[in-house]
Each structure stands twice: as structure tokens, then as C-alpha cells.
C-alpha atoms as a PDB file:
ATOM      1  CA  MET A   1     -20.490  -0.220   9.940  1.00  0.00           C
ATOM      2  CA  LYS A   2     -20.931  -1.443   6.395  1.00  0.00           C
ATOM      3  CA  ARG A   3     -18.146   0.867   5.158  1.00  0.00           C
ATOM      4  CA  LEU A   4     -15.823  -0.330   7.925  1.00  0.00           C
ATOM      5  CA  PHE A   5     -16.389  -3.953   6.967  1.00  0.00           C
ATOM      6  CA  ARG A   6     -15.818  -3.181   3.284  1.00  0.00           C
ATOM      7  CA  ILE A   7     -12.556  -1.322   3.926  1.00  0.00           C
ATOM      8  CA  VAL A   8     -11.273  -4.154   6.146  1.00  0.00           C
ATOM      9  CA  ILE A   9     -12.017  -6.697   3.407  1.00  0.00           C
ATOM     10  CA  PHE A  10     -10.465  -4.442   0.754  1.00  0.00           C
ATOM     11  CA  SER A  11      -7.361  -3.939   2.908  1.00  0.00           C
ATOM     12  CA  ALA A  12      -6.944  -7.676   3.410  1.00  0.00           C
ATOM     13  CA  PHE A  13      -7.329  -8.273  -0.326  1.00  0.00           C
ATOM     14  CA  ALA A  14      -4.874  -5.471  -1.147  1.00  0.00           C
ATOM     15  CA  LEU A  15      -2.277  -6.840   1.304  1.00  0.00           C
ATOM     16  CA  PHE A  16      -2.624 -10.331  -0.142  1.00  0.00           C
ATOM     17  CA  LEU A  17      -2.522  -9.195  -3.772  1.00  0.00           C
ATOM     18  CA  THR A  18       0.460  -6.898  -3.220  1.00  0.00           C
ATOM     19  CA  SER A  19       2.409  -9.648  -1.474  1.00  0.00           C
ATOM     20  CA  PHE A  20       1.541 -11.989  -4.341  1.00  0.00           C
ATOM     21  CA  TRP A  21       3.186  -9.918  -7.088  1.00  0.00           C
ATOM     22  CA  ASP A  22       5.757  -7.979  -5.016  1.00  0.00           C
ATOM     23  CA  LYS A  23       8.358 -10.421  -3.687  1.00  0.00           C
ATOM     24  CA  GLY A  24       9.840  -7.749  -1.412  1.00  0.00           C
ATOM     25  CA  PHE A  25       6.527  -7.164   0.381  1.00  0.00           C
ATOM     26  CA  ILE A  26       6.005  -9.949   2.904  1.00  0.00           C
ATOM     27  CA  ILE A  27       2.846 -10.230   4.968  1.00  0.00           C
ATOM     28  CA  PRO A  28       2.769 -12.127   8.280  1.00  0.00           C
ATOM     29  CA  SER A  29       2.187 -15.845   8.041  1.00  0.00           C
ATOM     30  CA  THR A  30       0.096 -16.097  11.202  1.00  0.00           C
ATOM     31  CA  GLY A  31      -3.574 -15.225  11.135  1.00  0.00           C
ATOM     32  CA  VAL A  32      -3.451 -12.921  14.152  1.00  0.00           C
ATOM     33  CA  GLU A  33      -0.603 -10.837  12.703  1.00  0.00           C
ATOM     34  CA  PHE A  34      -2.363 -10.640   9.336  1.00  0.00           C
ATOM     35  CA  VAL A  35      -5.523  -9.379  11.058  1.00  0.00           C
ATOM     36  CA  LYS A  36      -3.442  -6.747  12.901  1.00  0.00           C
ATOM     37  CA  ALA A  37      -1.869  -5.573   9.637  1.00  0.00           C
ATOM     38  CA  THR A  38      -5.256  -5.485   7.927  1.00  0.00           C
ATOM     39  CA  ALA A  39      -6.838  -3.555  10.796  1.00  0.00           C
ATOM     40  CA  ALA A  40      -4.009  -1.009  10.872  1.00  0.00           C
ATOM     41  CA  LEU A  41      -4.240  -0.439   7.118  1.00  0.00           C
ATOM     42  CA  ALA A  42      -8.036  -0.168   7.283  1.00  0.00           C
ATOM     43  CA  LEU A  43      -7.849   2.323  10.170  1.00  0.00           C
ATOM     44  CA  PHE A  44      -5.420   4.385   8.158  1.00  0.00           C
ATOM     45  CA  PHE A  45      -7.817   4.519   5.225  1.00  0.00           C
ATOM     46  CA  LEU A  46     -10.859   5.245   7.397  1.00  0.00           C
ATOM     47  CA  ILE A  47      -9.525   7.656  10.005  1.00  0.00           C
ATOM     48  CA  VAL A  48      -6.067   8.999   9.229  1.00  0.00           C
ATOM     49  CA  ARG A  49      -6.462   9.562   5.495  1.00  0.00           C
ATOM     50  CA  PRO A  50      -9.486  11.909   5.700  1.00  0.00           C
ATOM     51  CA  ILE A  51      -7.824  13.918   8.469  1.00  0.00           C
ATOM     52  CA  MET A  52      -4.620  14.202   6.436  1.00  0.00           C
ATOM     53  CA  LYS A  53      -6.582  15.339   3.392  1.00  0.00           C
ATOM     54  CA  ILE A  54      -8.009  18.226   5.384  1.00  0.00           C
ATOM     55  CA  VAL A  55      -4.818  19.161   7.237  1.00  0.00           C
ATOM     56  CA  PHE A  56      -2.557  18.976   4.186  1.00  0.00           C
ATOM     57  CA  LEU A  57      -5.020  20.484   1.705  1.00  0.00           C
ATOM     58  CA  PRO A  58      -2.766  23.472   0.875  1.00  0.00           C
ATOM     59  CA  PHE A  59       0.209  21.188   0.183  1.00  0.00           C
ATOM     60  CA  ASN A  60      -1.942  18.889  -1.950  1.00  0.00           C
ATOM     61  CA  MET A  61      -3.182  21.832  -3.959  1.00  0.00           C
ATOM     62  CA  LEU A  62       0.351  23.142  -4.522  1.00  0.00           C
ATOM     63  CA  THR A  63       1.724  19.743  -5.535  1.00  0.00           C
ATOM     64  CA  LEU A  64      -1.410  18.669  -7.439  1.00  0.00           C
ATOM     65  CA  GLY A  65      -2.021  15.708  -5.126  1.00  0.00           C
ATOM     66  CA  LEU A  66       1.537  14.401  -5.050  1.00  0.00           C
ATOM     67  CA  PHE A  67       1.900  15.200  -1.366  1.00  0.00           C
ATOM     68  CA  SER A  68      -0.892  12.743  -0.468  1.00  0.00           C
ATOM     69  CA  PHE A  69       1.082   9.976  -2.151  1.00  0.00           C
ATOM     70  CA  VAL A  70       4.164  10.947  -0.122  1.00  0.00           C
ATOM     71  CA  VAL A  71       2.032  10.651   3.016  1.00  0.00           C
ATOM     72  CA  TYR A  72       0.907   7.150   1.925  1.00  0.00           C
ATOM     73  CA  VAL A  73       4.545   6.123   1.551  1.00  0.00           C
ATOM     74  CA  LEU A  74       5.379   7.577   4.953  1.00  0.00           C
ATOM     75  CA  VAL A  75       2.500   5.752   6.657  1.00  0.00           C
ATOM     76  CA  LEU A  76       3.504   2.479   4.999  1.00  0.00           C
ATOM     77  CA  TYR A  77       7.053   3.020   6.233  1.00  0.00           C
ATOM     78  CA  ILE A  78       5.783   3.605   9.776  1.00  0.00           C
ATOM     79  CA  LEU A  79       3.553   0.526   9.701  1.00  0.00           C
ATOM     80  CA  SER A  80       6.367  -1.658   8.409  1.00  0.00           C
ATOM     81  CA  SER A  81       9.385  -0.426  10.350  1.00  0.00           C
ATOM     82  CA  TRP A  82       8.034   0.841  13.676  1.00  0.00           C
ATOM     83  CA  TYR A  83       5.198  -1.611  14.196  1.00  0.00           C
ATOM     84  CA  GLY A  84       6.550  -4.530  12.158  1.00  0.00           C
ATOM     85  CA  LEU A  85       3.148  -5.432  10.754  1.00  0.00           C
ATOM     86  CA  PHE A  86       4.691  -6.524   7.451  1.00  0.00           C
ATOM     87  CA  THR A  87       8.164  -6.624   5.941  1.00  0.00           C
ATOM     88  CA  ILE A  88       9.400  -4.557   3.024  1.00  0.00           C
ATOM     89  CA  HIS A  89      12.860  -5.078   1.538  1.00  0.00           C
ATOM     90  CA  SER A  90      14.690  -4.762  -1.750  1.00  0.00           C
ATOM     91  CA  TRP A  91      14.232  -7.484  -4.353  1.00  0.00           C
ATOM     92  CA  GLN A  92      15.057  -8.376  -7.933  1.00  0.00           C
ATOM     93  CA  PHE A  93      12.380  -8.255 -10.603  1.00  0.00           C
ATOM     94  CA  TYR A  94      13.288 -10.843 -13.237  1.00  0.00           C
ATOM     95  CA  GLY A  95      11.585  -9.097 -16.127  1.00  0.00           C
ATOM     96  CA  LEU A  96       8.391  -9.562 -18.068  1.00  0.00           C
ATOM     97  CA  ASN A  97       7.548 -10.145 -21.726  1.00  0.00           C
ATOM     98  CA  LEU A  98       3.921  -9.696 -22.752  1.00  0.00           C
ATOM     99  CA  PHE A  99       3.233  -9.486 -26.469  1.00  0.00           C
ATOM    100  CA  ILE A 100       4.909  -6.209 -27.472  1.00  0.00           C
ATOM    101  CA  VAL A 101       5.686  -4.985 -23.927  1.00  0.00           C
ATOM    102  CA  SER A 102       9.030  -5.972 -22.491  1.00  0.00           C
ATOM    103  CA  ILE A 103      10.160  -4.962 -19.003  1.00  0.00           C
ATOM    104  CA  PRO A 104      13.833  -5.747 -18.372  1.00  0.00           C
ATOM    105  CA  LYS A 105      15.367  -7.281 -15.273  1.00  0.00           C
ATOM    106  CA  LEU A 106      15.465  -4.695 -12.447  1.00  0.00           C
ATOM    107  CA  ASN A 107      16.911  -4.407  -8.968  1.00  0.00           C
ATOM    108  CA  ILE A 108      14.289  -2.654  -6.874  1.00  0.00           C
ATOM    109  CA  SER A 109      15.686  -0.871  -3.821  1.00  0.00           C
ATOM    110  CA  TYR A 110      14.028  -0.591  -0.427  1.00  0.00           C
ATOM    111  CA  VAL A 111      12.733   2.914  -1.127  1.00  0.00           C
ATOM    112  CA  GLY A 112      11.572   1.908  -4.601  1.00  0.00           C
ATOM    113  CA  ASN A 113       9.734  -1.058  -3.164  1.00  0.00           C
ATOM    114  CA  LEU A 114       8.196   1.159  -0.491  1.00  0.00           C
ATOM    115  CA  VAL A 115       6.847   3.434  -3.241  1.00  0.00           C
ATOM    116  CA  LEU A 116       5.651   0.465  -5.354  1.00  0.00           C
ATOM    117  CA  SER A 117       3.938  -1.189  -2.390  1.00  0.00           C
ATOM    118  CA  SER A 118       2.270   2.048  -1.362  1.00  0.00           C
ATOM    119  CA  PHE A 119       1.026   2.642  -4.907  1.00  0.00           C
ATOM    120  CA  SER A 120      -0.252  -0.931  -5.151  1.00  0.00           C
ATOM    121  CA  LEU A 121      -2.069  -0.912  -1.808  1.00  0.00           C
ATOM    122  CA  SER A 122      -3.695   2.482  -2.279  1.00  0.00           C
ATOM    123  CA  SER A 123      -4.659   1.739  -5.897  1.00  0.00           C
ATOM    124  CA  ILE A 124      -6.277  -1.596  -5.067  1.00  0.00           C
ATOM    125  CA  ILE A 125      -8.197  -0.245  -2.071  1.00  0.00           C
ATOM    126  CA  ASN A 126      -9.342   2.887  -3.928  1.00  0.00           C
ATOM    127  CA  LEU A 127     -10.367   0.888  -7.001  1.00  0.00           C
ATOM    128  CA  LEU A 128     -12.402  -1.584  -4.967  1.00  0.00           C
ATOM    129  CA  ASP A 129     -13.958   1.250  -2.992  1.00  0.00           C
ATOM    130  CA  GLN A 130     -14.965   3.032  -6.202  1.00  0.00           C
ATOM    131  CA  LEU A 131     -16.470  -0.150  -7.653  1.00  0.00           C
ATOM    132  CA  THR A 132     -18.837  -0.612  -4.710  1.00  0.00           C
END
């Protein structure tokens, strides 16, 4: 029960943080819809992800774990397009200049944003899970 509560909180935080920096990732504005999106993402991380790790173990071993990331992208696509729990669309990144690092202005496509959002959500949830 404690793990379930933690993953739900981590999922909510990851959804909020991803929507904060990624202008093409839009979470629902109503509380009920946000709870649905959080619950779906948490259920994915608690139930579907371990099953997929076992089922797709040979593919993960052949691709050195890249296949699991492809599955994350696919699940995010299903949650966004079929169930409409959040919206993902293309957007324009206006660039970033930090000290010696300069990222130019970029047009991020729908697929690129799907990959970025998936990476952001899974990284935030996994990082928070590892910290606790």
C-alpha cells in the first residue's frame, strides 16, 4: 500500500513537472481528469511495466534495454490518443543559453515530443523511486 501511494504521488509530480517544461505536453485542467491521468500512469508503472519486463526480456536483452523505452513511448501514445488523459502535440522550443551550453531554437514534432515526454516521465518517476 505504501508503494502504491508513493508511485501515485511520483506520477502526479512527474506529470506536473513534464507539463511545466514541455509546452507540447498538456495535462487536464480539472482535478478529476488529472487524478485519472495520474492513476493510469501509476497503474502502468506498478502493474504493466513489471509484466512487460518479463514478457519482453529477450527483446530487452537483444536491444540492451532500448525496447523497454519503445514500450514506454507506445504506452504514452495509447494513454494520450486512445484515452485522452493528456494532450501531446508538436511545439517550438525557443532555445536556451546557460553559461557555455547553448541549445538553438528547435521545432519538436509530435513523435519527438512523444519520445521527450516519455523520457521525462519515466526518468522522474524512476529517480524519485530510487531516492526513496
